[in-house]
Amino acid sequence: MKKNLFRASMATFALSMLLTIPSCDSADKKTAATPAPAQTTAEAGKPALPNYRYVDLDTVLSKYNLAKDYNEEMLRMQTNMESEVKRHENSIQSFANNMQNKMQNNGYLSEASYKADQEKITNMQANAQKAVATLQSNFENAAMTAHKAVNDSIEAFIKEYNAKKGYDAIFFKAATLYISPELDITDDVVEGLNAKYNKVKK
């Protein structure tokens, strides 16, 4: 479950986007650098492949090092948040147990001392709620930042990749009911993404 944390947050990306990318942005670019045409003629009796391809986003997210790094960061943040929640719970429970023991053993010598402990445990609960809310907010902000960074990186690479390949369109597999495996360029995209990301990291 945790391993899919970041990938789950990216699901809307695949469902909400279809990258229909023209071969070039302008007539000048066509003149300057014409991309290699995709296969349009039949070979060895096979029908010609259409001039579009697809990418499996789930595979990209599981193999793209940038997405993997962000996913690990999200998991660390989640683990830290769970540890902090547990710490507050244990502290509050321990204090509540002490109060119960004092009540059973006539440890409260005055009503004022009992009310002081009641106020203290109320403050502990309020502080715990505030701390956890801050952690959750930080986690959500970090997840949004990671989501955007990976989205932007994939989209930019796809556009750059297609400028060289010259496909009429590149789809996400999740947006199709069926598409031929022959049109899959996922491995090429993953290799290219990681080559750029690893170069930047170095």
C-alpha atoms as a PDB file:
ATOM      1  CA  MET A   1       0.000   0.000   0.000  1.00  0.00           C
ATOM      2  CA  LYS A   2       2.683   2.473   1.014  1.00  0.00           C
ATOM      3  CA  LYS A   3       4.778   1.642  -2.055  1.00  0.00           C
ATOM      4  CA  ASN A   4       1.946   2.928  -4.245  1.00  0.00           C
ATOM      5  CA  LEU A   5       1.492   6.168  -2.304  1.00  0.00           C
ATOM      6  CA  PHE A   6       3.009   8.529  -4.859  1.00  0.00           C
ATOM      7  CA  ARG A   7       1.778   6.511  -7.829  1.00  0.00           C
ATOM      8  CA  ALA A   8      -1.777   6.754  -6.546  1.00  0.00           C
ATOM      9  CA  SER A   9      -1.487  10.530  -6.351  1.00  0.00           C
ATOM     10  CA  MET A  10      -0.517  10.560 -10.028  1.00  0.00           C
ATOM     11  CA  ALA A  11      -3.541   8.584 -11.247  1.00  0.00           C
ATOM     12  CA  THR A  12      -5.459  11.693 -12.270  1.00  0.00           C
ATOM     13  CA  PHE A  13      -2.560  12.677 -14.511  1.00  0.00           C
ATOM     14  CA  ALA A  14      -3.101   9.661 -16.762  1.00  0.00           C
ATOM     15  CA  LEU A  15      -6.867  10.032 -16.810  1.00  0.00           C
ATOM     16  CA  SER A  16      -6.983  13.785 -17.363  1.00  0.00           C
ATOM     17  CA  MET A  17      -4.380  14.196 -20.095  1.00  0.00           C
ATOM     18  CA  LEU A  18      -3.994  13.032 -23.665  1.00  0.00           C
ATOM     19  CA  LEU A  19      -0.838  14.442 -25.182  1.00  0.00           C
ATOM     20  CA  THR A  20      -1.666  15.138 -28.821  1.00  0.00           C
ATOM     21  CA  ILE A  21       1.603  16.526 -30.032  1.00  0.00           C
ATOM     22  CA  PRO A  22       2.210  17.902 -33.546  1.00  0.00           C
ATOM     23  CA  SER A  23       5.482  16.943 -35.134  1.00  0.00           C
ATOM     24  CA  CYS A  24       6.739  20.546 -35.072  1.00  0.00           C
ATOM     25  CA  ASP A  25       5.598  23.860 -33.684  1.00  0.00           C
ATOM     26  CA  SER A  26       6.139  25.989 -36.788  1.00  0.00           C
ATOM     27  CA  ALA A  27       6.976  25.934 -40.465  1.00  0.00           C
ATOM     28  CA  ASP A  28      10.457  27.245 -39.639  1.00  0.00           C
ATOM     29  CA  LYS A  29      11.138  24.264 -37.405  1.00  0.00           C
ATOM     30  CA  LYS A  30       9.986  21.918 -40.159  1.00  0.00           C
ATOM     31  CA  THR A  31      12.471  23.502 -42.517  1.00  0.00           C
ATOM     32  CA  ALA A  32      15.307  23.510 -40.002  1.00  0.00           C
ATOM     33  CA  ALA A  33      14.945  19.969 -38.695  1.00  0.00           C
ATOM     34  CA  THR A  34      12.510  17.478 -40.137  1.00  0.00           C
ATOM     35  CA  PRO A  35      11.945  14.561 -37.737  1.00  0.00           C
ATOM     36  CA  ALA A  36      12.363  11.023 -38.945  1.00  0.00           C
ATOM     37  CA  PRO A  37       8.985   9.836 -40.256  1.00  0.00           C
ATOM     38  CA  ALA A  38       7.258   7.036 -38.411  1.00  0.00           C
ATOM     39  CA  GLN A  39       6.584   3.760 -40.197  1.00  0.00           C
ATOM     40  CA  THR A  40       3.775   4.205 -42.724  1.00  0.00           C
ATOM     41  CA  THR A  41       4.303   1.362 -45.158  1.00  0.00           C
ATOM     42  CA  ALA A  42       3.740  -2.331 -44.711  1.00  0.00           C
ATOM     43  CA  GLU A  43       6.773  -4.562 -44.219  1.00  0.00           C
ATOM     44  CA  ALA A  44       6.950  -8.286 -44.941  1.00  0.00           C
ATOM     45  CA  GLY A  45       3.234  -8.488 -45.500  1.00  0.00           C
ATOM     46  CA  LYS A  46       2.361  -6.746 -42.231  1.00  0.00           C
ATOM     47  CA  PRO A  47      -0.038  -3.814 -42.179  1.00  0.00           C
ATOM     48  CA  ALA A  48       1.597  -0.438 -41.593  1.00  0.00           C
ATOM     49  CA  LEU A  49       1.576   0.877 -38.028  1.00  0.00           C
ATOM     50  CA  PRO A  50      -0.434   4.064 -37.453  1.00  0.00           C
ATOM     51  CA  ASN A  51       1.520   7.237 -36.816  1.00  0.00           C
ATOM     52  CA  TYR A  52       0.851   7.373 -33.067  1.00  0.00           C
ATOM     53  CA  ARG A  53       2.210   5.615 -29.997  1.00  0.00           C
ATOM     54  CA  TYR A  54       1.349   5.135 -26.324  1.00  0.00           C
ATOM     55  CA  VAL A  55       3.026   5.208 -22.913  1.00  0.00           C
ATOM     56  CA  ASP A  56       2.100   3.141 -19.842  1.00  0.00           C
ATOM     57  CA  LEU A  57       2.206   5.735 -17.055  1.00  0.00           C
ATOM     58  CA  ASP A  58       2.177   3.166 -14.241  1.00  0.00           C
ATOM     59  CA  THR A  59       5.359   1.642 -15.637  1.00  0.00           C
ATOM     60  CA  VAL A  60       6.939   5.070 -16.088  1.00  0.00           C
ATOM     61  CA  LEU A  61       6.199   6.014 -12.470  1.00  0.00           C
ATOM     62  CA  SER A  62       7.573   2.712 -11.183  1.00  0.00           C
ATOM     63  CA  LYS A  63      10.841   3.054 -13.138  1.00  0.00           C
ATOM     64  CA  TYR A  64      11.447   6.802 -13.487  1.00  0.00           C
ATOM     65  CA  ASN A  65      14.074   7.704 -10.903  1.00  0.00           C
ATOM     66  CA  LEU A  66      12.614  11.155 -10.232  1.00  0.00           C
ATOM     67  CA  ALA A  67       9.223   9.621  -9.389  1.00  0.00           C
ATOM     68  CA  LYS A  68      10.897   6.931  -7.291  1.00  0.00           C
ATOM     69  CA  ASP A  69      12.880   9.530  -5.333  1.00  0.00           C
ATOM     70  CA  TYR A  70       9.758  11.567  -4.651  1.00  0.00           C
ATOM     71  CA  ASN A  71       7.883   8.435  -3.624  1.00  0.00           C
ATOM     72  CA  GLU A  72      10.601   7.583  -1.099  1.00  0.00           C
ATOM     73  CA  GLU A  73      10.413  11.136   0.248  1.00  0.00           C
ATOM     74  CA  MET A  74       6.641  10.831   0.639  1.00  0.00           C
ATOM     75  CA  LEU A  75       7.025   7.527   2.446  1.00  0.00           C
ATOM     76  CA  ARG A  76       9.569   9.057   4.850  1.00  0.00           C
ATOM     77  CA  MET A  77       7.219  11.935   5.570  1.00  0.00           C
ATOM     78  CA  GLN A  78       4.338   9.545   6.142  1.00  0.00           C
ATOM     79  CA  THR A  79       6.434   7.408   8.490  1.00  0.00           C
ATOM     80  CA  ASN A  80       7.518  10.487  10.454  1.00  0.00           C
ATOM     81  CA  MET A  81       3.911  11.650  10.676  1.00  0.00           C
ATOM     82  CA  GLU A  82       2.736   8.276  11.956  1.00  0.00           C
ATOM     83  CA  SER A  83       5.552   8.227  14.530  1.00  0.00           C
ATOM     84  CA  GLU A  84       4.622  11.709  15.735  1.00  0.00           C
ATOM     85  CA  VAL A  85       0.958  10.748  16.053  1.00  0.00           C
ATOM     86  CA  LYS A  86       1.927   7.664  18.047  1.00  0.00           C
ATOM     87  CA  ARG A  87       4.209   9.706  20.295  1.00  0.00           C
ATOM     88  CA  HIS A  88       1.392  12.118  21.156  1.00  0.00           C
ATOM     89  CA  GLU A  89      -1.042   9.264  21.731  1.00  0.00           C
ATOM     90  CA  ASN A  90       1.356   7.507  24.092  1.00  0.00           C
ATOM     91  CA  SER A  91       2.097  10.692  26.009  1.00  0.00           C
ATOM     92  CA  ILE A  92      -1.589  11.522  26.463  1.00  0.00           C
ATOM     93  CA  GLN A  93      -2.473   7.958  27.421  1.00  0.00           C
ATOM     94  CA  SER A  94       0.352   7.819  29.949  1.00  0.00           C
ATOM     95  CA  PHE A  95      -0.784  11.045  31.588  1.00  0.00           C
ATOM     96  CA  ALA A  96      -4.387   9.830  31.612  1.00  0.00           C
ATOM     97  CA  ASN A  97      -3.280   6.602  33.321  1.00  0.00           C
ATOM     98  CA  ASN A  98      -1.407   8.597  35.960  1.00  0.00           C
ATOM     99  CA  MET A  99      -4.512  10.662  36.617  1.00  0.00           C
ATOM    100  CA  GLN A 100      -6.571   7.495  37.022  1.00  0.00           C
ATOM    101  CA  ASN A 101      -4.063   6.023  39.463  1.00  0.00           C
ATOM    102  CA  LYS A 102      -4.004   9.213  41.522  1.00  0.00           C
ATOM    103  CA  MET A 103      -7.794   9.223  41.710  1.00  0.00           C
ATOM    104  CA  GLN A 104      -7.911   5.589  42.817  1.00  0.00           C
ATOM    105  CA  ASN A 105      -5.221   6.125  45.442  1.00  0.00           C
ATOM    106  CA  ASN A 106      -6.470   9.467  46.774  1.00  0.00           C
ATOM    107  CA  GLY A 107      -3.484  11.188  45.204  1.00  0.00           C
ATOM    108  CA  TYR A 108      -5.348  14.428  44.620  1.00  0.00           C
ATOM    109  CA  LEU A 109      -5.183  16.462  47.804  1.00  0.00           C
ATOM    110  CA  SER A 110      -7.436  19.207  46.422  1.00  0.00           C
ATOM    111  CA  GLU A 111      -9.939  19.831  43.688  1.00  0.00           C
ATOM    112  CA  ALA A 112      -7.615  22.491  42.289  1.00  0.00           C
ATOM    113  CA  SER A 113      -4.827  19.956  41.663  1.00  0.00           C
ATOM    114  CA  TYR A 114      -7.275  17.651  39.861  1.00  0.00           C
ATOM    115  CA  LYS A 115      -8.560  20.500  37.690  1.00  0.00           C
ATOM    116  CA  ALA A 116      -4.964  21.464  36.888  1.00  0.00           C
ATOM    117  CA  ASP A 117      -4.299  17.977  35.539  1.00  0.00           C
ATOM    118  CA  GLN A 118      -7.545  18.038  33.593  1.00  0.00           C
ATOM    119  CA  GLU A 119      -6.508  21.297  32.001  1.00  0.00           C
ATOM    120  CA  LYS A 120      -3.074  19.903  31.242  1.00  0.00           C
ATOM    121  CA  ILE A 121      -4.399  16.832  29.428  1.00  0.00           C
ATOM    122  CA  THR A 122      -6.829  19.023  27.477  1.00  0.00           C
ATOM    123  CA  ASN A 123      -3.898  21.198  26.388  1.00  0.00           C
ATOM    124  CA  MET A 124      -1.898  18.099  25.444  1.00  0.00           C
ATOM    125  CA  GLN A 125      -4.741  16.915  23.217  1.00  0.00           C
ATOM    126  CA  ALA A 126      -5.109  20.327  21.580  1.00  0.00           C
ATOM    127  CA  ASN A 127      -1.363  20.584  20.947  1.00  0.00           C
ATOM    128  CA  ALA A 128      -1.330  17.082  19.487  1.00  0.00           C
ATOM    129  CA  GLN A 129      -4.158  17.930  17.090  1.00  0.00           C
ATOM    130  CA  LYS A 130      -2.371  21.108  16.008  1.00  0.00           C
ATOM    131  CA  ALA A 131       0.945  19.307  15.470  1.00  0.00           C
ATOM    132  CA  VAL A 132      -0.665  16.530  13.443  1.00  0.00           C
ATOM    133  CA  ALA A 133      -2.620  19.040  11.335  1.00  0.00           C
ATOM    134  CA  THR A 134       0.636  20.842  10.513  1.00  0.00           C
ATOM    135  CA  LEU A 135       2.310  17.571   9.526  1.00  0.00           C
ATOM    136  CA  GLN A 136      -0.634  16.633   7.317  1.00  0.00           C
ATOM    137  CA  SER A 137      -0.577  20.049   5.642  1.00  0.00           C
ATOM    138  CA  ASN A 138       3.167  19.765   4.993  1.00  0.00           C
ATOM    139  CA  PHE A 139       2.663  16.289   3.568  1.00  0.00           C
ATOM    140  CA  GLU A 140      -0.108  17.425   1.217  1.00  0.00           C
ATOM    141  CA  ASN A 141       1.959  20.408   0.017  1.00  0.00           C
ATOM    142  CA  ALA A 142       4.976  18.183  -0.593  1.00  0.00           C
ATOM    143  CA  ALA A 143       2.825  15.691  -2.499  1.00  0.00           C
ATOM    144  CA  MET A 144       1.423  18.461  -4.711  1.00  0.00           C
ATOM    145  CA  THR A 145       4.931  19.750  -5.411  1.00  0.00           C
ATOM    146  CA  ALA A 146       6.147  16.254  -6.269  1.00  0.00           C
ATOM    147  CA  HIS A 147       3.117  15.598  -8.457  1.00  0.00           C
ATOM    148  CA  LYS A 148       3.700  18.790 -10.465  1.00  0.00           C
ATOM    149  CA  ALA A 149       7.440  18.203 -10.808  1.00  0.00           C
ATOM    150  CA  VAL A 150       6.971  14.706 -12.207  1.00  0.00           C
ATOM    151  CA  ASN A 151       4.070  15.783 -14.444  1.00  0.00           C
ATOM    152  CA  ASP A 152       6.065  18.664 -15.901  1.00  0.00           C
ATOM    153  CA  SER A 153       9.145  16.508 -16.409  1.00  0.00           C
ATOM    154  CA  ILE A 154       7.246  13.770 -18.255  1.00  0.00           C
ATOM    155  CA  GLU A 155       5.300  16.207 -20.417  1.00  0.00           C
ATOM    156  CA  ALA A 156       8.425  18.178 -21.356  1.00  0.00           C
ATOM    157  CA  PHE A 157      10.294  15.016 -22.264  1.00  0.00           C
ATOM    158  CA  ILE A 158       7.395  13.656 -24.355  1.00  0.00           C
ATOM    159  CA  LYS A 159       7.330  16.881 -26.389  1.00  0.00           C
ATOM    160  CA  GLU A 160      11.092  16.769 -26.871  1.00  0.00           C
ATOM    161  CA  TYR A 161      10.965  13.072 -27.742  1.00  0.00           C
ATOM    162  CA  ASN A 162       8.199  13.580 -30.298  1.00  0.00           C
ATOM    163  CA  ALA A 163      10.005  16.475 -31.948  1.00  0.00           C
ATOM    164  CA  LYS A 164      12.549  13.846 -33.058  1.00  0.00           C
ATOM    165  CA  LYS A 165      10.093  11.034 -33.789  1.00  0.00           C
ATOM    166  CA  GLY A 166       7.365  12.982 -35.557  1.00  0.00           C
ATOM    167  CA  TYR A 167       4.323  11.052 -34.316  1.00  0.00           C
ATOM    168  CA  ASP A 168       0.881  12.554 -34.800  1.00  0.00           C
ATOM    169  CA  ALA A 169      -0.072  11.727 -31.200  1.00  0.00           C
ATOM    170  CA  ILE A 170       1.238  10.023 -28.064  1.00  0.00           C
ATOM    171  CA  PHE A 171      -1.413   8.629 -25.728  1.00  0.00           C
ATOM    172  CA  PHE A 172      -1.459   7.303 -22.201  1.00  0.00           C
ATOM    173  CA  LYS A 173      -2.425   3.626 -22.169  1.00  0.00           C
ATOM    174  CA  ALA A 174      -4.953   4.221 -19.368  1.00  0.00           C
ATOM    175  CA  ALA A 175      -6.951   6.454 -21.718  1.00  0.00           C
ATOM    176  CA  THR A 176      -7.552   3.597 -24.178  1.00  0.00           C
ATOM    177  CA  LEU A 177      -9.724   0.494 -24.076  1.00  0.00           C
ATOM    178  CA  TYR A 178      -7.301  -1.435 -26.249  1.00  0.00           C
ATOM    179  CA  ILE A 179      -4.155  -0.498 -28.124  1.00  0.00           C
ATOM    180  CA  SER A 180      -1.643  -2.750 -29.857  1.00  0.00           C
ATOM    181  CA  PRO A 181       1.531  -3.567 -27.874  1.00  0.00           C
ATOM    182  CA  GLU A 182       3.489  -2.779 -31.037  1.00  0.00           C
ATOM    183  CA  LEU A 183       2.742   0.894 -30.412  1.00  0.00           C
ATOM    184  CA  ASP A 184       4.276   0.879 -26.914  1.00  0.00           C
ATOM    185  CA  ILE A 185       7.175   3.323 -26.458  1.00  0.00           C
ATOM    186  CA  THR A 186       7.233   3.137 -22.652  1.00  0.00           C
ATOM    187  CA  ASP A 187      10.728   1.656 -22.403  1.00  0.00           C
ATOM    188  CA  ASP A 188      12.168   4.351 -24.686  1.00  0.00           C
ATOM    189  CA  VAL A 189      10.506   7.069 -22.614  1.00  0.00           C
ATOM    190  CA  VAL A 190      11.725   5.627 -19.300  1.00  0.00           C
ATOM    191  CA  GLU A 191      15.256   5.301 -20.641  1.00  0.00           C
ATOM    192  CA  GLY A 192      15.252   8.868 -21.906  1.00  0.00           C
ATOM    193  CA  LEU A 193      13.745  10.300 -18.711  1.00  0.00           C
ATOM    194  CA  ASN A 194      16.285   8.541 -16.510  1.00  0.00           C
ATOM    195  CA  ALA A 195      19.186   9.533 -18.746  1.00  0.00           C
ATOM    196  CA  LYS A 196      18.253  13.220 -18.365  1.00  0.00           C
ATOM    197  CA  TYR A 197      17.482  12.971 -14.648  1.00  0.00           C
ATOM    198  CA  ASN A 198      20.642  11.073 -13.768  1.00  0.00           C
ATOM    199  CA  LYS A 199      22.699  13.566 -15.742  1.00  0.00           C
ATOM    200  CA  VAL A 200      21.179  16.478 -13.812  1.00  0.00           C
ATOM    201  CA  LYS A 201      21.781  14.727 -10.464  1.00  0.00           C
ATOM    202  CA  LYS A 202      25.446  14.163 -11.295  1.00  0.00           C
END
